[in-house]
Amino acid sequence: MLDRFKVAPADQVRVSEKALRETVAAIFAKLGLTAEDAALGANVLVMTDLRGVDSHGVSNMLRTYVEGYRKGQLNPRPDWRVVRESPATATIDGDGGLGIILGPKAMRKAIEKARLVGVGIVTMYNGRHLGAVGHHAMLAAREDMIGMCMTATQPSVVPTFGAQARFGTNPISIAAPAKIHPPALFDAATCSIANNKVRLAARLGSNLLPGWVTDLEGNPIMNETPPRKRGEYFLLPLGATREMGSHKGYGLAMMVEVLSSMLSGVLPFGMDRSSGNKHYFAAYNIAAFTDVEKFKENMDRMLQWLRETKPAPGHERVLYPGLLEYEEEEERRAHGIPLHREVVQWFDQITSEFGIPPLDR
C-alpha cells in the first residue's frame, strides 16, 4: 500500500492482534451472528489488517458492516444454499450474507472439490461485500493449491470513454505457494484506485493522484485533487485513459462480471440490484497437474530470480506480489496493528453502546 494511505506515526494507536480479534468478534455477536460466524468475520478483517491492507480491514469496513446489519441490508444468519452442483463446480445463493463470512466457506468447498477432481470452482450470487479477495485466494495456497478469487461489486467505475458507472472495482486475486519464499499473492482492483482508499485518503488528509477519478461528466482528473465525497466522482479503470491502457482495466472488470455474475446465472449489479454482489472462487490442485514439491521449488527459483533483478535508480529492491504483505504481517504481529486514533475513538463509542469491554490497547 502506498505510503500516502498509511497512518502517520503521530496518529497511530498500536493494538494487538488478540485484542482486535476479541473486540471485533464481540461486536459481530451483538449484531446477531453465531459465535462461529463472528469469529470467522473477525479473522478475515484482522488478517487483512495484519497484512497491511488497511483499506479492507477494521478501519474502513467494520463500521460499514455494523451499519449494514443495523439497517437490515446484511443478513446475520443467512440460509445460504447450493442451487446447482457438479463434481467440480457449485453455484451458491448467499441469501444476503456478508461475503467475508461466506467467502471462506465457498472457498473451502472449492478446495474440497479440487482435492477430488483436480479443480474446484464455486460462484455465488445474492452475496454482500467480500472484503480483501486475496484473503480467500490464500486459503487455497495454504492447501498446496493455486487459489483464485474475484468479486463483482456495486457500480462506481466508468468504462473507457464513459460518463456513467457500469462496473464495480471488481478485484482479482491469485495466490500460489512456494517452498521457502513467502507465497505469491496478486490482489488488485481493476480500477486505478478503490473506493476504500479514497476513504482512507480523506481520513489521512492525502490528495488523490492524477488518473484516479473523473468528474461527474466522465472527464479524467489528471492533476492532484483533494478527496471527494461519494457521489461527487467516478473511479477510472486501471490505466486511467485510453492512451495509458484503460481499455485493459475496463476489459478485466467486464470479465470479472462474466465469471462472477453471468456464470452464477444473474446480471451485473448495475443491471439488477436484487442479485447483490457476485463472487468467484477457484482452487487448482497442484498435484493434479505436477509434482507439488517440484512446483514449489520452481516457484522459489522464480521468486528469487525476481528479487535479484537489478533495481532502477532511486529504488532499493524489486519485489514480487505478496512479499510486502508478508513482511508487514511479521512486523504487525510483533508490534501491533496501527489504527488511526479516529478509528479507536469509534471503537470506544461502539463498545460502550453495545455494553462490551472496550478495545484493549
Foldseek 3Di string as FASTA:
>chain_A
DDPLLDAPPVQWDFAALVLQLVLQLVLLVLLPADSVLSSQLSVLQSLCLLLPVPLQHLQQPSVVVSVCSVVVQADRDAPKDWPDDDLAETEIERRRHEQSRVLLVQQVQQLVSCVVVQKHKYKYWNYAHNGFQQVSQVVQQVVLWKKKKWKWADFQEAAAVGLDTDTAQTWIWIWHAADPAHIFIDIGGQFCDHPSSLVSCQVSVHWDAFLFWAANRRHGRGHTGRRDDPVGIGGYGVLRHVVRPSNVSNVSRVVSCCQFPVVSPHHGCNVPVSGHMMMMIMIGNVVVPDDSNVVNPVVVVVQVVQQPDDDDPPDDTGHGHPRSSVVSSVVCNVTGRIDGNVSLVVQVVSCVVSVHDGRDD
